[in-house]
Amino acid sequence: MYTHRKLRALLILILLLVVCTAIFILFMSSVSSEGGNSVCVVHLDMAIDEGAVTFVKKAFDVCKGYDLVVLAISSNGGYLSSAQKIVNVVSQADMLCILRVPPSSQAYSAATIVTFSCKALYMGSGSGSAIGAVKPYPYDEKTAEAMRSLLTFFMVRMCGDWEEIR
């Protein structure tokens, strides 16, 4: 059974740990921003629609002044027009943007298009992270050709022209 003295000592110890943790966090945040290597992480866990476009625009406004933006995506896709708007935001940003598909997350359809607009792509370790399945619904050959052209452009930009690789 705890006595008042033991409870008081336990509370003081917990308070001391909380204060030390807060000081450590403040110290670490000031150290990481002093070197000029600042990273802004944006979690895009939603359908690729006009709401996602607005979210990404606001997030990139908040990230201005950072050296690197990590766009962490988990989406089953959405609209091609919205994906193209997000691509424009990413490509016009003044900072380097890389994309990460976290473990057990996916980037399908329009989200795949957003994925390849970044300078680099990192997949979550282990199983469960995936990209792909870019197909318009309902299927329309003109839209499918536009998507193929857009993805080809991104692949050439990231990897180089197939003729240059050979």
Protein backbone atom coordinates (compact mmCIF):
# COMPACT_ATOMS: atom_id res chain seq x y z
CA MET A 1 0.00 0.00 0.00
CA TYR A 2 1.32 3.42 -0.92
CA THR A 3 1.78 6.02 1.73
CA HIS A 4 1.39 9.70 1.06
CA ARG A 5 5.16 10.10 1.07
CA LYS A 6 5.62 7.37 -1.59
CA LEU A 7 2.82 8.80 -3.77
CA ARG A 8 4.33 12.27 -3.53
CA ALA A 9 7.79 10.92 -4.49
CA LEU A 10 6.25 9.03 -7.44
CA LEU A 11 4.42 12.15 -8.65
CA ILE A 12 7.60 14.23 -8.37
CA LEU A 13 9.50 11.60 -10.36
CA ILE A 14 6.83 11.55 -13.09
CA LEU A 15 6.80 15.35 -13.24
CA LEU A 16 10.59 15.40 -13.49
CA LEU A 17 10.49 12.89 -16.36
CA VAL A 18 7.87 14.98 -18.21
CA VAL A 19 9.95 18.16 -17.80
CA CYS A 20 13.14 16.40 -18.97
CA THR A 21 11.33 14.96 -21.98
CA ALA A 22 9.95 18.39 -22.93
CA ILE A 23 13.40 19.97 -22.66
CA PHE A 24 14.89 17.17 -24.78
CA ILE A 25 12.22 17.61 -27.48
CA LEU A 26 12.75 21.38 -27.58
CA PHE A 27 16.51 20.90 -27.80
CA MET A 28 16.25 18.35 -30.62
CA SER A 29 13.86 20.51 -32.65
CA SER A 30 16.22 23.49 -32.43
CA VAL A 31 19.20 21.34 -33.43
CA SER A 32 17.48 19.89 -36.50
CA SER A 33 16.48 23.31 -37.84
CA GLU A 34 19.88 24.97 -37.35
CA GLY A 35 21.69 22.90 -39.99
CA GLY A 36 19.47 24.12 -42.82
CA ASN A 37 18.33 20.58 -43.58
CA SER A 38 14.66 20.88 -42.73
CA VAL A 39 12.07 18.29 -43.74
CA CYS A 40 8.33 18.76 -43.99
CA VAL A 41 6.20 15.59 -44.06
CA VAL A 42 2.76 15.73 -45.69
CA HIS A 43 0.41 12.77 -45.16
CA LEU A 44 -2.00 12.41 -48.08
CA ASP A 45 -4.39 9.69 -46.88
CA MET A 46 -7.45 10.37 -49.00
CA ALA A 47 -9.00 10.08 -52.42
CA ILE A 48 -7.37 12.16 -55.15
CA ASP A 49 -10.10 14.73 -55.65
CA GLU A 50 -10.50 18.50 -55.33
CA GLY A 51 -10.29 18.19 -51.54
CA ALA A 52 -6.88 16.55 -51.92
CA VAL A 53 -5.80 19.33 -54.30
CA THR A 54 -6.75 21.97 -51.73
CA PHE A 55 -5.03 19.99 -48.96
CA VAL A 56 -1.78 19.62 -50.95
CA LYS A 57 -1.76 23.32 -51.92
CA LYS A 58 -2.17 24.39 -48.29
CA ALA A 59 0.39 21.84 -47.10
CA PHE A 60 2.98 23.02 -49.62
CA ASP A 61 2.32 26.63 -48.56
CA VAL A 62 3.07 25.60 -44.97
CA CYS A 63 6.21 23.77 -46.15
CA LYS A 64 7.69 26.84 -47.89
CA GLY A 65 11.20 27.42 -46.63
CA TYR A 66 11.87 23.73 -46.01
CA ASP A 67 14.60 21.94 -47.94
CA LEU A 68 12.64 18.74 -48.51
CA VAL A 69 9.01 17.69 -48.63
CA VAL A 70 8.15 14.04 -48.04
CA LEU A 71 4.73 13.31 -49.47
CA ALA A 72 3.51 10.15 -47.69
CA ILE A 73 0.59 8.78 -49.67
CA SER A 74 -2.07 6.17 -49.07
CA SER A 75 -4.86 6.36 -51.63
CA ASN A 76 -6.92 4.13 -53.89
CA GLY A 77 -6.96 6.88 -56.52
CA GLY A 78 -9.46 9.39 -57.72
CA TYR A 79 -9.78 11.84 -60.57
CA LEU A 80 -7.23 12.41 -63.33
CA SER A 81 -7.87 16.16 -63.36
CA SER A 82 -7.19 16.38 -59.61
CA ALA A 83 -4.03 14.27 -59.99
CA GLN A 84 -2.77 16.65 -62.67
CA LYS A 85 -3.38 19.64 -60.39
CA ILE A 86 -1.43 17.98 -57.58
CA VAL A 87 1.36 17.18 -60.05
CA ASN A 88 1.50 20.88 -60.94
CA VAL A 89 1.77 21.86 -57.26
CA VAL A 90 4.60 19.35 -56.73
CA SER A 91 6.50 20.28 -59.88
CA GLN A 92 6.26 24.03 -59.23
CA ALA A 93 7.44 23.76 -55.62
CA ASP A 94 10.71 25.48 -54.71
CA MET A 95 11.87 22.50 -52.68
CA LEU A 96 12.75 18.92 -53.42
CA CYS A 97 9.78 16.58 -53.09
CA ILE A 98 10.03 12.83 -52.65
CA LEU A 99 7.19 10.39 -52.25
CA ARG A 100 6.82 7.59 -49.75
CA VAL A 101 4.27 4.82 -49.76
CA PRO A 102 4.34 3.71 -46.09
CA PRO A 103 4.08 0.05 -45.08
CA SER A 104 0.59 -1.39 -45.63
CA SER A 105 -0.33 1.61 -47.82
CA GLN A 106 -1.06 1.91 -51.51
CA ALA A 107 -1.03 4.40 -54.36
CA TYR A 108 -3.40 3.25 -57.09
CA SER A 109 -4.81 4.90 -60.19
CA ALA A 110 -4.64 8.71 -59.89
CA ALA A 111 -2.43 8.34 -56.80
CA THR A 112 0.12 6.51 -58.97
CA ILE A 113 0.28 9.54 -61.23
CA VAL A 114 1.00 11.73 -58.19
CA THR A 115 3.64 9.20 -57.10
CA PHE A 116 5.67 9.53 -60.27
CA SER A 117 5.58 13.34 -60.22
CA CYS A 118 8.08 13.41 -57.34
CA LYS A 119 11.87 13.19 -57.74
CA ALA A 120 12.17 9.88 -55.90
CA LEU A 121 9.90 7.11 -54.70
CA TYR A 122 10.35 5.08 -51.52
CA MET A 123 8.21 2.07 -50.72
CA GLY A 124 7.48 0.89 -47.19
CA SER A 125 9.56 -2.02 -46.01
CA GLY A 126 8.05 -5.46 -45.77
CA SER A 127 4.88 -6.49 -47.50
CA GLY A 128 1.80 -4.48 -48.07
CA SER A 129 2.90 -1.27 -49.82
CA ALA A 130 1.95 -1.13 -53.48
CA ILE A 131 1.60 1.18 -56.47
CA GLY A 132 -0.09 0.65 -59.80
CA ALA A 133 -3.38 -0.21 -61.44
CA VAL A 134 -3.74 3.00 -63.44
CA LYS A 135 -6.94 2.61 -65.42
CA PRO A 136 -9.69 5.17 -65.97
CA TYR A 137 -13.24 4.33 -64.90
CA PRO A 138 -15.39 4.31 -66.93
CA TYR A 139 -12.86 3.28 -69.53
CA ASP A 140 -12.33 5.78 -72.34
CA GLU A 141 -9.54 5.28 -74.90
CA LYS A 142 -8.77 9.01 -75.12
CA THR A 143 -8.35 9.30 -71.34
CA ALA A 144 -6.35 6.05 -71.22
CA GLU A 145 -3.96 7.41 -73.87
CA ALA A 146 -3.57 10.67 -71.91
CA MET A 147 -2.71 8.65 -68.80
CA ARG A 148 -0.18 6.52 -70.72
CA SER A 149 1.48 9.65 -72.12
CA LEU A 150 1.62 11.29 -68.71
CA LEU A 151 3.11 8.19 -67.04
CA THR A 152 5.61 7.76 -69.89
CA PHE A 153 6.70 11.37 -69.43
CA PHE A 154 7.25 10.81 -65.70
CA MET A 155 9.12 7.55 -66.22
CA VAL A 156 11.45 9.14 -68.80
CA ARG A 157 12.01 12.08 -66.46
CA MET A 158 12.87 9.77 -63.56
CA CYS A 159 14.82 7.05 -65.37
CA GLY A 160 15.94 8.52 -68.68
CA ASP A 161 14.89 7.66 -72.21
CA TRP A 162 14.84 3.96 -73.08
CA GLU A 163 17.20 4.61 -76.01
CA GLU A 164 19.67 6.30 -73.64
CA ILE A 165 19.56 3.34 -71.27
CA ARG A 166 20.47 0.79 -73.95
